[in-house]
């Protein structure tokens, strides 16, 4: 319905993340308003995680993190990326490489 582009790396990454969250037993939702979107809200029993997926972290921009920072609860928030140089924690939002997320049960 949204015009999926099969050659879009970002769309492929989002599909991988969606299926991984489903495999881990989460119910998966998105949140979207006029200008902002949370790629995934994953809920399983009494836990919830928020995930933004991006190919690389945009330089000089907090576009991927800003949406997550606006959420005022204390559930874990992640930006999952293919960016080899990205990592760490920005105001409580964990930046994680896609391979690390997929291979770890800690997330």
PDB file of N, CA and C in Angstrom:
ATOM      1  N   UNK A   1       0.815  -1.205   0.000  1.00  0.00           N
ATOM      2  CA  UNK A   1       0.000   0.000   0.000  1.00  0.00           C
ATOM      3  C   UNK A   1       0.851   1.259   0.000  1.00  0.00           C
ATOM      4  N   UNK A   2       2.029   1.187   0.630  1.00  0.00           N
ATOM      5  CA  UNK A   2       2.881   2.368   0.759  1.00  0.00           C
ATOM      6  C   UNK A   2       3.880   2.467  -0.389  1.00  0.00           C
ATOM      7  N   UNK A   3       3.773   1.641  -1.393  1.00  0.00           N
ATOM      8  CA  UNK A   3       4.687   1.710  -2.525  1.00  0.00           C
ATOM      9  C   UNK A   3       6.045   1.118  -2.213  1.00  0.00           C
ATOM     10  N   UNK A   4       6.082  -0.109  -1.742  1.00  0.00           N
ATOM     11  CA  UNK A   4       7.335  -0.778  -1.394  1.00  0.00           C
ATOM     12  C   UNK A   4       8.278  -0.801  -2.582  1.00  0.00           C
ATOM     13  N   UNK A   5       9.541  -0.425  -2.334  1.00  0.00           N
ATOM     14  CA  UNK A   5      10.578  -0.430  -3.366  1.00  0.00           C
ATOM     15  C   UNK A   5      11.537  -1.572  -3.069  1.00  0.00           C
ATOM     16  N   UNK A   6      11.499  -2.629  -3.841  1.00  0.00           N
ATOM     17  CA  UNK A   6      12.304  -3.812  -3.516  1.00  0.00           C
ATOM     18  C   UNK A   6      13.806  -3.563  -3.525  1.00  0.00           C
ATOM     19  N   UNK A   7      14.294  -2.511  -4.144  1.00  0.00           N
ATOM     20  CA  UNK A   7      15.728  -2.243  -4.164  1.00  0.00           C
ATOM     21  C   UNK A   7      16.148  -1.258  -3.078  1.00  0.00           C
ATOM     22  N   UNK A   8      15.232  -0.855  -2.234  1.00  0.00           N
ATOM     23  CA  UNK A   8      15.533   0.080  -1.159  1.00  0.00           C
ATOM     24  C   UNK A   8      16.181  -0.664   0.007  1.00  0.00           C
ATOM     25  N   UNK A   9      17.413  -0.302   0.326  1.00  0.00           N
ATOM     26  CA  UNK A   9      18.127  -0.925   1.446  1.00  0.00           C
ATOM     27  C   UNK A   9      17.371  -0.668   2.748  1.00  0.00           C
ATOM     28  N   UNK A  10      16.863   0.536   2.931  1.00  0.00           N
ATOM     29  CA  UNK A  10      16.136   0.861   4.159  1.00  0.00           C
ATOM     30  C   UNK A  10      14.908  -0.027   4.317  1.00  0.00           C
ATOM     31  N   UNK A  11      14.181  -0.244   3.240  1.00  0.00           N
ATOM     32  CA  UNK A  11      13.002  -1.107   3.297  1.00  0.00           C
ATOM     33  C   UNK A  11      13.399  -2.536   3.631  1.00  0.00           C
ATOM     34  N   UNK A  12      14.503  -3.006   3.082  1.00  0.00           N
ATOM     35  CA  UNK A  12      14.973  -4.362   3.377  1.00  0.00           C
ATOM     36  C   UNK A  12      15.360  -4.497   4.850  1.00  0.00           C
ATOM     37  N   UNK A  13      16.036  -3.481   5.381  1.00  0.00           N
ATOM     38  CA  UNK A  13      16.423  -3.511   6.795  1.00  0.00           C
ATOM     39  C   UNK A  13      15.192  -3.532   7.693  1.00  0.00           C
ATOM     40  N   UNK A  14      14.191  -2.753   7.336  1.00  0.00           N
ATOM     41  CA  UNK A  14      12.962  -2.743   8.122  1.00  0.00           C
ATOM     42  C   UNK A  14      12.262  -4.102   8.068  1.00  0.00           C
ATOM     43  N   UNK A  15      12.281  -4.745   6.911  1.00  0.00           N
ATOM     44  CA  UNK A  15      11.683  -6.080   6.807  1.00  0.00           C
ATOM     45  C   UNK A  15      12.430  -7.087   7.670  1.00  0.00           C
ATOM     46  N   UNK A  16      13.753  -7.037   7.648  1.00  0.00           N
ATOM     47  CA  UNK A  16      14.552  -7.938   8.479  1.00  0.00           C
ATOM     48  C   UNK A  16      14.197  -7.718   9.952  1.00  0.00           C
ATOM     49  N   UNK A  17      14.123  -6.453  10.365  1.00  0.00           N
ATOM     50  CA  UNK A  17      13.818  -6.145  11.762  1.00  0.00           C
ATOM     51  C   UNK A  17      12.411  -6.612  12.132  1.00  0.00           C
ATOM     52  N   UNK A  18      11.456  -6.376  11.268  1.00  0.00           N
ATOM     53  CA  UNK A  18      10.083  -6.808  11.531  1.00  0.00           C
ATOM     54  C   UNK A  18      10.026  -8.317  11.768  1.00  0.00           C
ATOM     55  N   UNK A  19      10.607  -9.089  10.865  1.00  0.00           N
ATOM     56  CA  UNK A  19      10.559 -10.542  11.001  1.00  0.00           C
ATOM     57  C   UNK A  19      11.349 -11.041  12.212  1.00  0.00           C
ATOM     58  N   UNK A  20      12.438 -10.359  12.559  1.00  0.00           N
ATOM     59  CA  UNK A  20      13.189 -10.747  13.754  1.00  0.00           C
ATOM     60  C   UNK A  20      12.367 -10.496  15.014  1.00  0.00           C
ATOM     61  N   UNK A  21      11.690  -9.368  15.079  1.00  0.00           N
ATOM     62  CA  UNK A  21      10.847  -9.075  16.244  1.00  0.00           C
ATOM     63  C   UNK A  21       9.703 -10.084  16.355  1.00  0.00           C
ATOM     64  N   UNK A  22       9.100 -10.429  15.235  1.00  0.00           N
ATOM     65  CA  UNK A  22       8.034 -11.433  15.242  1.00  0.00           C
ATOM     66  C   UNK A  22       8.591 -12.785  15.688  1.00  0.00           C
ATOM     67  N   UNK A  23       9.792 -13.141  15.195  1.00  0.00           N
ATOM     68  CA  UNK A  23      10.423 -14.412  15.582  1.00  0.00           C
ATOM     69  C   UNK A  23      10.672 -14.468  17.087  1.00  0.00           C
ATOM     70  N   UNK A  24      10.981 -13.307  17.676  1.00  0.00           N
ATOM     71  CA  UNK A  24      11.224 -13.243  19.118  1.00  0.00           C
ATOM     72  C   UNK A  24       9.922 -13.192  19.928  1.00  0.00           C
ATOM     73  N   UNK A  25       8.794 -13.234  19.266  1.00  0.00           N
ATOM     74  CA  UNK A  25       7.523 -13.305  19.971  1.00  0.00           C
ATOM     75  C   UNK A  25       6.850 -11.979  20.275  1.00  0.00           C
ATOM     76  N   UNK A  26       7.294 -10.918  19.646  1.00  0.00           N
ATOM     77  CA  UNK A  26       6.692  -9.600  19.872  1.00  0.00           C
ATOM     78  C   UNK A  26       5.489  -9.378  18.958  1.00  0.00           C
ATOM     79  N   UNK A  27       4.522  -8.622  19.451  1.00  0.00           N
ATOM     80  CA  UNK A  27       3.519  -8.006  18.597  1.00  0.00           C
ATOM     81  C   UNK A  27       4.169  -6.721  18.110  1.00  0.00           C
ATOM     82  N   UNK A  28       4.063  -6.418  16.828  1.00  0.00           N
ATOM     83  CA  UNK A  28       4.813  -5.304  16.260  1.00  0.00           C
ATOM     84  C   UNK A  28       3.850  -4.257  15.705  1.00  0.00           C
ATOM     85  N   UNK A  29       4.099  -2.997  16.079  1.00  0.00           N
ATOM     86  CA  UNK A  29       3.277  -1.866  15.648  1.00  0.00           C
ATOM     87  C   UNK A  29       4.183  -0.753  15.144  1.00  0.00           C
ATOM     88  N   UNK A  30       3.594   0.193  14.417  1.00  0.00           N
ATOM     89  CA  UNK A  30       4.294   1.428  14.070  1.00  0.00           C
ATOM     90  C   UNK A  30       3.484   2.580  14.633  1.00  0.00           C
ATOM     91  N   UNK A  31       4.132   3.704  14.828  1.00  0.00           N
ATOM     92  CA  UNK A  31       3.450   4.899  15.304  1.00  0.00           C
ATOM     93  C   UNK A  31       3.802   6.020  14.340  1.00  0.00           C
ATOM     94  N   UNK A  32       2.795   6.690  13.845  1.00  0.00           N
ATOM     95  CA  UNK A  32       3.036   7.713  12.840  1.00  0.00           C
ATOM     96  C   UNK A  32       2.078   8.872  13.065  1.00  0.00           C
ATOM     97  N   UNK A  33       2.637  10.095  13.031  1.00  0.00           N
ATOM     98  CA  UNK A  33       1.778  11.265  12.979  1.00  0.00           C
ATOM     99  C   UNK A  33       2.110  12.021  11.701  1.00  0.00           C
ATOM    100  N   UNK A  34       1.754  13.286  11.601  1.00  0.00           N
ATOM    101  CA  UNK A  34       1.936  13.997  10.325  1.00  0.00           C
ATOM    102  C   UNK A  34       3.392  14.040   9.846  1.00  0.00           C
ATOM    103  N   UNK A  35       4.319  14.222  10.770  1.00  0.00           N
ATOM    104  CA  UNK A  35       5.703  14.418  10.347  1.00  0.00           C
ATOM    105  C   UNK A  35       6.685  13.393  10.909  1.00  0.00           C
ATOM    106  N   UNK A  36       6.300  12.632  11.914  1.00  0.00           N
ATOM    107  CA  UNK A  36       7.250  11.737  12.566  1.00  0.00           C
ATOM    108  C   UNK A  36       6.722  10.315  12.610  1.00  0.00           C
ATOM    109  N   UNK A  37       7.676   9.378  12.660  1.00  0.00           N
ATOM    110  CA  UNK A  37       7.317   7.967  12.690  1.00  0.00           C
ATOM    111  C   UNK A  37       8.266   7.214  13.604  1.00  0.00           C
ATOM    112  N   UNK A  38       7.715   6.291  14.369  1.00  0.00           N
ATOM    113  CA  UNK A  38       8.522   5.311  15.092  1.00  0.00           C
ATOM    114  C   UNK A  38       8.423   4.043  14.263  1.00  0.00           C
ATOM    115  N   UNK A  39       9.563   3.549  13.783  1.00  0.00           N
ATOM    116  CA  UNK A  39       9.533   2.388  12.894  1.00  0.00           C
ATOM    117  C   UNK A  39       8.841   1.195  13.544  1.00  0.00           C
ATOM    118  N   UNK A  40       9.234   0.858  14.786  1.00  0.00           N
ATOM    119  CA  UNK A  40       8.660  -0.319  15.429  1.00  0.00           C
ATOM    120  C   UNK A  40       8.435  -0.073  16.911  1.00  0.00           C
ATOM    121  N   UNK A  41       7.262  -0.461  17.354  1.00  0.00           N
ATOM    122  CA  UNK A  41       6.955  -0.586  18.776  1.00  0.00           C
ATOM    123  C   UNK A  41       6.684  -2.073  18.958  1.00  0.00           C
ATOM    124  N   UNK A  42       7.538  -2.726  19.716  1.00  0.00           N
ATOM    125  CA  UNK A  42       7.438  -4.173  19.895  1.00  0.00           C
ATOM    126  C   UNK A  42       6.984  -4.465  21.321  1.00  0.00           C
ATOM    127  N   UNK A  43       5.903  -5.229  21.446  1.00  0.00           N
ATOM    128  CA  UNK A  43       5.298  -5.500  22.746  1.00  0.00           C
ATOM    129  C   UNK A  43       5.218  -7.009  22.940  1.00  0.00           C
ATOM    130  N   UNK A  44       5.675  -7.433  24.116  1.00  0.00           N
ATOM    131  CA  UNK A  44       5.615  -8.857  24.487  1.00  0.00           C
ATOM    132  C   UNK A  44       5.333  -8.908  25.984  1.00  0.00           C
ATOM    133  N   UNK A  45       4.175  -9.464  26.340  1.00  0.00           N
ATOM    134  CA  UNK A  45       3.723  -9.509  27.740  1.00  0.00           C
ATOM    135  C   UNK A  45       3.800  -8.113  28.354  1.00  0.00           C
ATOM    136  N   UNK A  46       4.621  -7.913  29.378  1.00  0.00           N
ATOM    137  CA  UNK A  46       4.681  -6.604  30.034  1.00  0.00           C
ATOM    138  C   UNK A  46       5.913  -5.801  29.614  1.00  0.00           C
ATOM    139  N   UNK A  47       6.556  -6.193  28.533  1.00  0.00           N
ATOM    140  CA  UNK A  47       7.720  -5.427  28.062  1.00  0.00           C
ATOM    141  C   UNK A  47       7.410  -4.750  26.730  1.00  0.00           C
ATOM    142  N   UNK A  48       8.134  -3.692  26.479  1.00  0.00           N
ATOM    143  CA  UNK A  48       7.953  -2.919  25.252  1.00  0.00           C
ATOM    144  C   UNK A  48       9.315  -2.354  24.872  1.00  0.00           C
ATOM    145  N   UNK A  49       9.605  -2.335  23.558  1.00  0.00           N
ATOM    146  CA  UNK A  49      10.808  -1.672  23.064  1.00  0.00           C
ATOM    147  C   UNK A  49      10.434  -0.836  21.847  1.00  0.00           C
ATOM    148  N   UNK A  50      11.171   0.240  21.665  1.00  0.00           N
ATOM    149  CA  UNK A  50      10.990   1.127  20.521  1.00  0.00           C
ATOM    150  C   UNK A  50      12.236   1.045  19.652  1.00  0.00           C
ATOM    151  N   UNK A  51      12.035   0.952  18.339  1.00  0.00           N
ATOM    152  CA  UNK A  51      13.179   0.778  17.441  1.00  0.00           C
ATOM    153  C   UNK A  51      13.027   1.660  16.205  1.00  0.00           C
ATOM    154  N   UNK A  52      14.089   2.387  15.902  1.00  0.00           N
ATOM    155  CA  UNK A  52      14.244   3.073  14.625  1.00  0.00           C
ATOM    156  C   UNK A  52      15.306   2.298  13.859  1.00  0.00           C
ATOM    157  N   UNK A  53      15.114   2.100  12.571  1.00  0.00           N
ATOM    158  CA  UNK A  53      16.071   1.383  11.737  1.00  0.00           C
ATOM    159  C   UNK A  53      16.563   2.344  10.656  1.00  0.00           C
ATOM    160  N   UNK A  54      17.883   2.384  10.461  1.00  0.00           N
ATOM    161  CA  UNK A  54      18.426   3.237   9.398  1.00  0.00           C
ATOM    162  C   UNK A  54      19.690   2.603   8.828  1.00  0.00           C
ATOM    163  N   UNK A  55      19.946   2.911   7.590  1.00  0.00           N
ATOM    164  CA  UNK A  55      21.147   2.399   6.926  1.00  0.00           C
ATOM    165  C   UNK A  55      22.392   2.994   7.559  1.00  0.00           C
ATOM    166  N   UNK A  56      22.378   4.311   7.764  1.00  0.00           N
ATOM    167  CA  UNK A  56      23.499   4.984   8.429  1.00  0.00           C
ATOM    168  C   UNK A  56      22.953   6.150   9.246  1.00  0.00           C
ATOM    169  N   UNK A  57      23.702   6.519  10.253  1.00  0.00           N
ATOM    170  CA  UNK A  57      23.295   7.638  11.092  1.00  0.00           C
ATOM    171  C   UNK A  57      23.556   8.935  10.324  1.00  0.00           C
ATOM    172  N   UNK A  58      22.533   9.774  10.168  1.00  0.00           N
ATOM    173  CA  UNK A  58      22.738  11.022   9.437  1.00  0.00           C
ATOM    174  C   UNK A  58      23.656  11.966  10.209  1.00  0.00           C
ATOM    175  N   UNK A  59      24.639  12.513   9.507  1.00  0.00           N
ATOM    176  CA  UNK A  59      25.536  13.478  10.140  1.00  0.00           C
ATOM    177  C   UNK A  59      24.809  14.796  10.324  1.00  0.00           C
ATOM    178  N   UNK A  60      25.121  15.473  11.406  1.00  0.00           N
ATOM    179  CA  UNK A  60      24.545  16.792  11.685  1.00  0.00           C
ATOM    180  C   UNK A  60      23.023  16.759  11.791  1.00  0.00           C
ATOM    181  N   UNK A  61      22.470  15.625  12.173  1.00  0.00           N
ATOM    182  CA  UNK A  61      21.018  15.509  12.287  1.00  0.00           C
ATOM    183  C   UNK A  61      20.672  14.536  13.399  1.00  0.00           C
ATOM    184  N   UNK A  62      19.595  14.839  14.115  1.00  0.00           N
ATOM    185  CA  UNK A  62      19.110  13.920  15.130  1.00  0.00           C
ATOM    186  C   UNK A  62      17.796  13.281  14.682  1.00  0.00           C
ATOM    187  N   UNK A  63      17.598  13.226  13.375  1.00  0.00           N
ATOM    188  CA  UNK A  63      16.347  12.746  12.799  1.00  0.00           C
ATOM    189  C   UNK A  63      15.955  11.378  13.332  1.00  0.00           C
ATOM    190  N   UNK A  64      16.883  10.445  13.409  1.00  0.00           N
ATOM    191  CA  UNK A  64      16.560   9.084  13.843  1.00  0.00           C
ATOM    192  C   UNK A  64      16.328   8.996  15.352  1.00  0.00           C
ATOM    193  N   UNK A  65      16.950   9.871  16.107  1.00  0.00           N
ATOM    194  CA  UNK A  65      16.873   9.818  17.560  1.00  0.00           C
ATOM    195  C   UNK A  65      15.746  10.687  18.111  1.00  0.00           C
ATOM    196  N   UNK A  66      15.451  11.798  17.462  1.00  0.00           N
ATOM    197  CA  UNK A  66      14.486  12.771  17.990  1.00  0.00           C
ATOM    198  C   UNK A  66      13.120  12.154  18.271  1.00  0.00           C
ATOM    199  N   UNK A  67      12.646  11.305  17.380  1.00  0.00           N
ATOM    200  CA  UNK A  67      11.338  10.674  17.586  1.00  0.00           C
ATOM    201  C   UNK A  67      11.323   9.840  18.863  1.00  0.00           C
ATOM    202  N   UNK A  68      12.410   9.150  19.111  1.00  0.00           N
ATOM    203  CA  UNK A  68      12.490   8.305  20.297  1.00  0.00           C
ATOM    204  C   UNK A  68      12.611   9.137  21.572  1.00  0.00           C
ATOM    205  N   UNK A  69      13.321  10.252  21.494  1.00  0.00           N
ATOM    206  CA  UNK A  69      13.496  11.103  22.672  1.00  0.00           C
ATOM    207  C   UNK A  69      12.187  11.743  23.121  1.00  0.00           C
ATOM    208  N   UNK A  70      11.236  11.870  22.231  1.00  0.00           N
ATOM    209  CA  UNK A  70       9.946  12.460  22.580  1.00  0.00           C
ATOM    210  C   UNK A  70       9.061  11.507  23.376  1.00  0.00           C
ATOM    211  N   UNK A  71       9.380  10.226  23.372  1.00  0.00           N
ATOM    212  CA  UNK A  71       8.598   9.249  24.124  1.00  0.00           C
ATOM    213  C   UNK A  71       9.001   9.358  25.587  1.00  0.00           C
ATOM    214  N   UNK A  72       8.027   9.589  26.442  1.00  0.00           N
ATOM    215  CA  UNK A  72       8.311   9.890  27.847  1.00  0.00           C
ATOM    216  C   UNK A  72       8.123   8.711  28.792  1.00  0.00           C
ATOM    217  N   UNK A  73       8.255   7.485  28.310  1.00  0.00           N
ATOM    218  CA  UNK A  73       8.227   6.358  29.245  1.00  0.00           C
ATOM    219  C   UNK A  73       9.655   5.827  29.398  1.00  0.00           C
ATOM    220  N   UNK A  74       9.806   4.797  30.172  1.00  0.00           N
ATOM    221  CA  UNK A  74      11.149   4.298  30.480  1.00  0.00           C
ATOM    222  C   UNK A  74      11.461   2.963  29.830  1.00  0.00           C
ATOM    223  N   UNK A  75      10.732   2.623  28.777  1.00  0.00           N
ATOM    224  CA  UNK A  75      11.039   1.395  28.050  1.00  0.00           C
ATOM    225  C   UNK A  75      12.269   1.620  27.178  1.00  0.00           C
ATOM    226  N   UNK A  76      13.010   0.561  26.843  1.00  0.00           N
ATOM    227  CA  UNK A  76      14.225   0.704  26.029  1.00  0.00           C
ATOM    228  C   UNK A  76      13.930   1.249  24.636  1.00  0.00           C
ATOM    229  N   UNK A  77      14.864   2.091  24.173  1.00  0.00           N
ATOM    230  CA  UNK A  77      14.759   2.709  22.852  1.00  0.00           C
ATOM    231  C   UNK A  77      16.071   2.466  22.109  1.00  0.00           C
ATOM    232  N   UNK A  78      15.947   2.056  20.838  1.00  0.00           N
ATOM    233  CA  UNK A  78      17.122   1.704  20.048  1.00  0.00           C
ATOM    234  C   UNK A  78      17.071   2.349  18.672  1.00  0.00           C
ATOM    235  N   UNK A  79      18.247   2.701  18.178  1.00  0.00           N
ATOM    236  CA  UNK A  79      18.430   2.972  16.756  1.00  0.00           C
ATOM    237  C   UNK A  79      19.338   1.850  16.264  1.00  0.00           C
ATOM    238  N   UNK A  80      18.826   1.051  15.322  1.00  0.00           N
ATOM    239  CA  UNK A  80      19.571  -0.078  14.773  1.00  0.00           C
ATOM    240  C   UNK A  80      20.021   0.325  13.378  1.00  0.00           C
ATOM    241  N   UNK A  81      21.326   0.212  13.129  1.00  0.00           N
ATOM    242  CA  UNK A  81      21.908   0.752  11.903  1.00  0.00           C
ATOM    243  C   UNK A  81      22.970  -0.176  11.324  1.00  0.00           C
ATOM    244  N   UNK A  82      23.290   0.045  10.065  1.00  0.00           N
ATOM    245  CA  UNK A  82      24.431  -0.641   9.443  1.00  0.00           C
ATOM    246  C   UNK A  82      25.706   0.181   9.566  1.00  0.00           C
ATOM    247  N   UNK A  83      25.608   1.352  10.129  1.00  0.00           N
ATOM    248  CA  UNK A  83      26.735   2.269  10.278  1.00  0.00           C
ATOM    249  C   UNK A  83      27.783   1.648  11.204  1.00  0.00           C
ATOM    250  N   UNK A  84      28.945   1.325  10.654  1.00  0.00           N
ATOM    251  CA  UNK A  84      30.017   0.677  11.421  1.00  0.00           C
ATOM    252  C   UNK A  84      30.567   1.576  12.525  1.00  0.00           C
ATOM    253  N   UNK A  85      30.517   2.877  12.346  1.00  0.00           N
ATOM    254  CA  UNK A  85      31.112   3.794  13.307  1.00  0.00           C
ATOM    255  C   UNK A  85      30.138   4.266  14.376  1.00  0.00           C
ATOM    256  N   UNK A  86      28.883   4.004  14.183  1.00  0.00           N
ATOM    257  CA  UNK A  86      27.879   4.443  15.161  1.00  0.00           C
ATOM    258  C   UNK A  86      27.826   3.463  16.315  1.00  0.00           C
ATOM    259  N   UNK A  87      27.533   3.976  17.459  1.00  0.00           N
ATOM    260  CA  UNK A  87      27.385   3.135  18.633  1.00  0.00           C
ATOM    261  C   UNK A  87      27.281   3.994  19.862  1.00  0.00           C
ATOM    262  N   UNK A  88      26.887   3.396  20.943  1.00  0.00           N
ATOM    263  CA  UNK A  88      26.824   4.131  22.189  1.00  0.00           C
ATOM    264  C   UNK A  88      25.407   4.388  22.648  1.00  0.00           C
ATOM    265  N   UNK A  89      25.295   5.479  23.397  1.00  0.00           N
ATOM    266  CA  UNK A  89      24.038   5.825  24.034  1.00  0.00           C
ATOM    267  C   UNK A  89      23.880   7.337  23.978  1.00  0.00           C
ATOM    268  N   UNK A  90      22.780   7.802  23.433  1.00  0.00           N
ATOM    269  CA  UNK A  90      22.523   9.239  23.353  1.00  0.00           C
ATOM    270  C   UNK A  90      21.239   9.519  24.122  1.00  0.00           C
ATOM    271  N   UNK A  91      21.392  10.116  25.298  1.00  0.00           N
ATOM    272  CA  UNK A  91      20.251  10.452  26.153  1.00  0.00           C
ATOM    273  C   UNK A  91      19.318   9.264  26.381  1.00  0.00           C
ATOM    274  N   UNK A  92      19.884   8.094  26.557  1.00  0.00           N
ATOM    275  CA  UNK A  92      19.092   6.910  26.838  1.00  0.00           C
ATOM    276  C   UNK A  92      18.706   6.094  25.619  1.00  0.00           C
ATOM    277  N   UNK A  93      18.978   6.597  24.428  1.00  0.00           N
ATOM    278  CA  UNK A  93      18.704   5.854  23.195  1.00  0.00           C
ATOM    279  C   UNK A  93      19.973   5.101  22.820  1.00  0.00           C
ATOM    280  N   UNK A  94      19.890   3.780  22.758  1.00  0.00           N
ATOM    281  CA  UNK A  94      21.062   2.967  22.442  1.00  0.00           C
ATOM    282  C   UNK A  94      21.211   2.853  20.927  1.00  0.00           C
ATOM    283  N   UNK A  95      22.422   3.097  20.451  1.00  0.00           N
ATOM    284  CA  UNK A  95      22.742   2.962  19.034  1.00  0.00           C
ATOM    285  C   UNK A  95      23.427   1.602  18.870  1.00  0.00           C
ATOM    286  N   UNK A  96      22.847   0.731  18.034  1.00  0.00           N
ATOM    287  CA  UNK A  96      23.303  -0.652  17.933  1.00  0.00           C
ATOM    288  C   UNK A  96      23.464  -1.031  16.462  1.00  0.00           C
ATOM    289  N   UNK A  97      24.540  -1.725  16.146  1.00  0.00           N
ATOM    290  CA  UNK A  97      24.718  -2.234  14.789  1.00  0.00           C
ATOM    291  C   UNK A  97      23.714  -3.366  14.558  1.00  0.00           C
ATOM    292  N   UNK A  98      23.190  -3.454  13.357  1.00  0.00           N
ATOM    293  CA  UNK A  98      22.169  -4.443  13.011  1.00  0.00           C
ATOM    294  C   UNK A  98      22.626  -5.866  13.343  1.00  0.00           C
ATOM    295  N   UNK A  99      23.854  -6.218  12.998  1.00  0.00           N
ATOM    296  CA  UNK A  99      24.350  -7.572  13.263  1.00  0.00           C
ATOM    297  C   UNK A  99      24.362  -7.863  14.760  1.00  0.00           C
ATOM    298  N   UNK A 100      24.782  -6.894  15.565  1.00  0.00           N
ATOM    299  CA  UNK A 100      24.804  -7.087  17.010  1.00  0.00           C
ATOM    300  C   UNK A 100      23.395  -7.304  17.551  1.00  0.00           C
ATOM    301  N   UNK A 101      22.445  -6.543  17.048  1.00  0.00           N
ATOM    302  CA  UNK A 101      21.063  -6.701  17.489  1.00  0.00           C
ATOM    303  C   UNK A 101      20.538  -8.088  17.131  1.00  0.00           C
ATOM    304  N   UNK A 102      20.784  -8.513  15.910  1.00  0.00           N
ATOM    305  CA  UNK A 102      20.261  -9.791  15.443  1.00  0.00           C
ATOM    306  C   UNK A 102      20.893 -10.992  16.143  1.00  0.00           C
ATOM    307  N   UNK A 103      22.151 -10.864  16.524  1.00  0.00           N
ATOM    308  CA  UNK A 103      22.879 -11.988  17.105  1.00  0.00           C
ATOM    309  C   UNK A 103      22.806 -12.044  18.637  1.00  0.00           C
ATOM    310  N   UNK A 104      22.242 -11.022  19.254  1.00  0.00           N
ATOM    311  CA  UNK A 104      22.219 -10.966  20.720  1.00  0.00           C
ATOM    312  C   UNK A 104      20.813 -11.145  21.258  1.00  0.00           C
ATOM    313  N   UNK A 105      20.705 -11.788  22.379  1.00  0.00           N
ATOM    314  CA  UNK A 105      19.415 -11.889  23.052  1.00  0.00           C
ATOM    315  C   UNK A 105      19.272 -10.795  24.108  1.00  0.00           C
ATOM    316  N   UNK A 106      20.268  -9.904  24.220  1.00  0.00           N
ATOM    317  CA  UNK A 106      20.237  -8.825  25.199  1.00  0.00           C
ATOM    318  C   UNK A 106      19.308  -7.694  24.797  1.00  0.00           C
ATOM    319  N   UNK A 107      18.925  -7.645  23.546  1.00  0.00           N
ATOM    320  CA  UNK A 107      18.090  -6.532  23.069  1.00  0.00           C
ATOM    321  C   UNK A 107      16.662  -6.968  22.948  1.00  0.00           C
TER     322      UNK A 107
END
